[in-house]
Amino acid sequence: MPTAEEVVARYFQAVRTADLAALGHLFTADTVLISRTVGRMRGGARIAAFYGRLLARLGGAEPRVGRLRAFGDTVIAEVEARPRREIHELAVFFTVKRGKIARIAIYQGPIYRKGGRLVDLTRTAMRRPRQR
């Protein structure tokens, strides 16, 4: 059985090459994807289909993955996703169970133009805390 790090490395390779069949085989039937842009999505086949639509819309992906850090069944990756003209800084947390990805939590940081100009820090409006 592959290690959690090997599974995550295969995930990034499948994303990089837009190999949706390979990507789908890496997910459990009830994988959960959590991100600010999609909220919560459940189901390996549904998530793989979502990736297919996303990669088609973006014209592919060029993730630059930093060192993977594994803690038991959890793998953490710092990633620069590079769709088209932007650079998205991400922290991605994977939970791997029995050689398959059971959970992906994606935290998005700043977004830059490839020339270095900050485009958006969060893509959501800052809310002021309510005063009590």
C-alpha atoms as a PDB file:
ATOM      1  CA  MET A   1       0.000   0.000   0.000  1.00  0.00           C
ATOM      2  CA  PRO A   2       1.405   3.453  -0.855  1.00  0.00           C
ATOM      3  CA  THR A   3       2.347   5.874   1.889  1.00  0.00           C
ATOM      4  CA  ALA A   4       0.243   8.975   2.477  1.00  0.00           C
ATOM      5  CA  GLU A   5       2.993  11.112   0.883  1.00  0.00           C
ATOM      6  CA  GLU A   6       3.057   8.885  -2.226  1.00  0.00           C
ATOM      7  CA  VAL A   7      -0.721   9.208  -2.601  1.00  0.00           C
ATOM      8  CA  VAL A   8      -0.522  13.006  -2.372  1.00  0.00           C
ATOM      9  CA  ALA A   9       2.356  13.103  -4.867  1.00  0.00           C
ATOM     10  CA  ARG A  10       0.166  11.073  -7.274  1.00  0.00           C
ATOM     11  CA  TYR A  11      -2.683  13.545  -6.696  1.00  0.00           C
ATOM     12  CA  PHE A  12      -0.507  16.486  -7.764  1.00  0.00           C
ATOM     13  CA  GLN A  13       0.758  14.557 -10.794  1.00  0.00           C
ATOM     14  CA  ALA A  14      -2.829  13.773 -11.837  1.00  0.00           C
ATOM     15  CA  VAL A  15      -3.811  17.445 -11.421  1.00  0.00           C
ATOM     16  CA  ARG A  16      -0.730  18.610 -13.349  1.00  0.00           C
ATOM     17  CA  THR A  17      -1.498  16.272 -16.274  1.00  0.00           C
ATOM     18  CA  ALA A  18      -5.308  16.637 -16.002  1.00  0.00           C
ATOM     19  CA  ASP A  19      -5.586  12.839 -15.689  1.00  0.00           C
ATOM     20  CA  LEU A  20      -9.101  12.693 -14.270  1.00  0.00           C
ATOM     21  CA  ALA A  21      -9.237   8.887 -14.288  1.00  0.00           C
ATOM     22  CA  ALA A  22      -6.097   8.691 -12.122  1.00  0.00           C
ATOM     23  CA  LEU A  23      -7.436  11.456  -9.906  1.00  0.00           C
ATOM     24  CA  GLY A  24     -10.752   9.681  -9.445  1.00  0.00           C
ATOM     25  CA  HIS A  25      -8.957   6.470  -8.385  1.00  0.00           C
ATOM     26  CA  LEU A  26      -7.183   8.374  -5.615  1.00  0.00           C
ATOM     27  CA  PHE A  27     -10.433   9.397  -3.873  1.00  0.00           C
ATOM     28  CA  THR A  28     -12.641   7.313  -1.610  1.00  0.00           C
ATOM     29  CA  ALA A  29     -16.329   7.058  -2.518  1.00  0.00           C
ATOM     30  CA  ASP A  30     -17.102   9.606   0.206  1.00  0.00           C
ATOM     31  CA  THR A  31     -14.063  11.914   0.001  1.00  0.00           C
ATOM     32  CA  VAL A  32     -14.778  15.381   1.371  1.00  0.00           C
ATOM     33  CA  LEU A  33     -13.367  18.521  -0.272  1.00  0.00           C
ATOM     34  CA  ILE A  34     -13.462  21.720   1.770  1.00  0.00           C
ATOM     35  CA  SER A  35     -12.472  25.108   0.371  1.00  0.00           C
ATOM     36  CA  ARG A  36     -13.618  28.676   0.491  1.00  0.00           C
ATOM     37  CA  THR A  37     -14.522  28.661  -3.192  1.00  0.00           C
ATOM     38  CA  VAL A  38     -16.722  25.516  -3.195  1.00  0.00           C
ATOM     39  CA  GLY A  39     -17.645  25.165   0.461  1.00  0.00           C
ATOM     40  CA  ARG A  40     -18.003  21.469   1.237  1.00  0.00           C
ATOM     41  CA  MET A  41     -18.314  18.833  -1.483  1.00  0.00           C
ATOM     42  CA  ARG A  42     -18.670  15.097  -0.846  1.00  0.00           C
ATOM     43  CA  GLY A  43     -18.067  12.118  -3.113  1.00  0.00           C
ATOM     44  CA  GLY A  44     -14.939  11.074  -4.978  1.00  0.00           C
ATOM     45  CA  ALA A  45     -16.664  10.898  -8.382  1.00  0.00           C
ATOM     46  CA  ARG A  46     -18.298  14.300  -7.843  1.00  0.00           C
ATOM     47  CA  ILE A  47     -14.980  15.868  -6.807  1.00  0.00           C
ATOM     48  CA  ALA A  48     -13.138  14.367  -9.796  1.00  0.00           C
ATOM     49  CA  ALA A  49     -15.838  15.767 -12.118  1.00  0.00           C
ATOM     50  CA  PHE A  50     -15.491  19.162 -10.430  1.00  0.00           C
ATOM     51  CA  TYR A  51     -11.722  19.073 -11.039  1.00  0.00           C
ATOM     52  CA  GLY A  52     -12.405  18.269 -14.697  1.00  0.00           C
ATOM     53  CA  ARG A  53     -14.611  21.350 -15.085  1.00  0.00           C
ATOM     54  CA  LEU A  54     -12.164  23.516 -13.126  1.00  0.00           C
ATOM     55  CA  LEU A  55      -9.104  22.425 -15.101  1.00  0.00           C
ATOM     56  CA  ALA A  56     -10.966  22.940 -18.388  1.00  0.00           C
ATOM     57  CA  ARG A  57     -12.009  26.449 -17.337  1.00  0.00           C
ATOM     58  CA  LEU A  58      -8.498  27.347 -16.178  1.00  0.00           C
ATOM     59  CA  GLY A  59      -6.782  25.810 -19.174  1.00  0.00           C
ATOM     60  CA  GLY A  60      -4.940  23.304 -16.961  1.00  0.00           C
ATOM     61  CA  ALA A  61      -2.927  23.723 -13.805  1.00  0.00           C
ATOM     62  CA  GLU A  62       0.700  24.147 -12.998  1.00  0.00           C
ATOM     63  CA  PRO A  63       0.919  23.451  -9.262  1.00  0.00           C
ATOM     64  CA  ARG A  64       4.318  24.052  -7.729  1.00  0.00           C
ATOM     65  CA  VAL A  65       4.427  21.912  -4.641  1.00  0.00           C
ATOM     66  CA  GLY A  66       6.764  22.560  -1.750  1.00  0.00           C
ATOM     67  CA  ARG A  67       7.984  19.839   0.562  1.00  0.00           C
ATOM     68  CA  LEU A  68       5.250  17.495   1.723  1.00  0.00           C
ATOM     69  CA  ARG A  69       4.990  17.100   5.484  1.00  0.00           C
ATOM     70  CA  ALA A  70       3.363  13.916   6.760  1.00  0.00           C
ATOM     71  CA  PHE A  71       2.002  13.335  10.246  1.00  0.00           C
ATOM     72  CA  GLY A  72       0.468   9.871  10.294  1.00  0.00           C
ATOM     73  CA  ASP A  73      -2.454   9.930   7.849  1.00  0.00           C
ATOM     74  CA  THR A  74      -2.288  13.731   7.401  1.00  0.00           C
ATOM     75  CA  VAL A  75      -0.144  15.319   4.695  1.00  0.00           C
ATOM     76  CA  ILE A  76       0.347  19.069   4.432  1.00  0.00           C
ATOM     77  CA  ALA A  77       1.490  20.772   1.233  1.00  0.00           C
ATOM     78  CA  GLU A  78       2.330  24.389   0.495  1.00  0.00           C
ATOM     79  CA  VAL A  79       1.387  25.017  -3.124  1.00  0.00           C
ATOM     80  CA  GLU A  80       1.603  27.767  -5.688  1.00  0.00           C
ATOM     81  CA  ALA A  81      -1.198  27.109  -8.152  1.00  0.00           C
ATOM     82  CA  ARG A  82      -0.495  28.900 -11.420  1.00  0.00           C
ATOM     83  CA  PRO A  83      -3.587  29.077 -13.603  1.00  0.00           C
ATOM     84  CA  ARG A  84      -3.265  31.429 -16.570  1.00  0.00           C
ATOM     85  CA  ARG A  85      -1.927  34.799 -15.386  1.00  0.00           C
ATOM     86  CA  GLU A  86      -2.268  34.350 -11.611  1.00  0.00           C
ATOM     87  CA  ILE A  87      -0.431  32.736  -8.734  1.00  0.00           C
ATOM     88  CA  HIS A  88      -2.582  31.388  -5.908  1.00  0.00           C
ATOM     89  CA  GLU A  89      -0.812  30.588  -2.648  1.00  0.00           C
ATOM     90  CA  LEU A  90      -2.411  27.579  -0.975  1.00  0.00           C
ATOM     91  CA  ALA A  91      -2.014  25.352   2.030  1.00  0.00           C
ATOM     92  CA  VAL A  92      -3.578  21.954   1.364  1.00  0.00           C
ATOM     93  CA  PHE A  93      -4.288  19.405   4.095  1.00  0.00           C
ATOM     94  CA  PHE A  94      -4.945  15.818   3.004  1.00  0.00           C
ATOM     95  CA  THR A  95      -6.214  12.917   5.080  1.00  0.00           C
ATOM     96  CA  VAL A  96      -5.258   9.585   3.530  1.00  0.00           C
ATOM     97  CA  LYS A  97      -6.922   6.336   4.629  1.00  0.00           C
ATOM     98  CA  ARG A  98      -5.920   2.923   3.257  1.00  0.00           C
ATOM     99  CA  GLY A  99      -4.114   4.412   0.252  1.00  0.00           C
ATOM    100  CA  LYS A 100      -6.928   6.786  -0.778  1.00  0.00           C
ATOM    101  CA  ILE A 101      -7.645  10.456  -0.124  1.00  0.00           C
ATOM    102  CA  ALA A 102     -10.517  10.737   2.346  1.00  0.00           C
ATOM    103  CA  ARG A 103     -10.410  14.497   2.931  1.00  0.00           C
ATOM    104  CA  ILE A 104      -8.885  17.588   1.293  1.00  0.00           C
ATOM    105  CA  ALA A 105      -9.003  20.982   2.997  1.00  0.00           C
ATOM    106  CA  ILE A 106      -7.699  23.855   0.869  1.00  0.00           C
ATOM    107  CA  TYR A 107      -6.828  27.188   2.470  1.00  0.00           C
ATOM    108  CA  GLN A 108      -6.225  29.973  -0.005  1.00  0.00           C
ATOM    109  CA  GLY A 109      -3.902  32.862   0.699  1.00  0.00           C
ATOM    110  CA  PRO A 110      -3.078  35.843  -1.486  1.00  0.00           C
ATOM    111  CA  ILE A 111      -3.498  35.852  -5.257  1.00  0.00           C
ATOM    112  CA  TYR A 112      -0.891  37.616  -7.398  1.00  0.00           C
ATOM    113  CA  ARG A 113      -0.542  38.408 -11.069  1.00  0.00           C
ATOM    114  CA  LYS A 114       2.432  36.592 -12.520  1.00  0.00           C
ATOM    115  CA  GLY A 115       4.175  39.993 -12.673  1.00  0.00           C
ATOM    116  CA  GLY A 116       4.023  40.176  -8.877  1.00  0.00           C
ATOM    117  CA  ARG A 117       1.137  42.599  -8.284  1.00  0.00           C
ATOM    118  CA  LEU A 118      -1.293  41.603  -5.522  1.00  0.00           C
ATOM    119  CA  VAL A 119      -4.700  40.909  -7.038  1.00  0.00           C
ATOM    120  CA  ASP A 120      -6.701  39.856  -4.023  1.00  0.00           C
ATOM    121  CA  LEU A 121      -5.856  38.806  -0.520  1.00  0.00           C
ATOM    122  CA  THR A 122      -8.939  36.732   0.178  1.00  0.00           C
ATOM    123  CA  ARG A 123     -11.571  37.300  -2.542  1.00  0.00           C
ATOM    124  CA  THR A 124     -14.067  37.827   0.241  1.00  0.00           C
ATOM    125  CA  ALA A 125     -15.083  41.053   1.895  1.00  0.00           C
ATOM    126  CA  MET A 126     -13.634  41.643   5.330  1.00  0.00           C
ATOM    127  CA  ARG A 127     -16.315  41.728   7.973  1.00  0.00           C
ATOM    128  CA  ARG A 128     -16.009  43.913  10.982  1.00  0.00           C
ATOM    129  CA  PRO A 129     -16.626  42.129  14.278  1.00  0.00           C
ATOM    130  CA  ARG A 130     -19.862  43.119  15.908  1.00  0.00           C
ATOM    131  CA  GLN A 131     -19.497  45.354  18.903  1.00  0.00           C
ATOM    132  CA  ARG A 132     -21.119  44.104  22.093  1.00  0.00           C
END
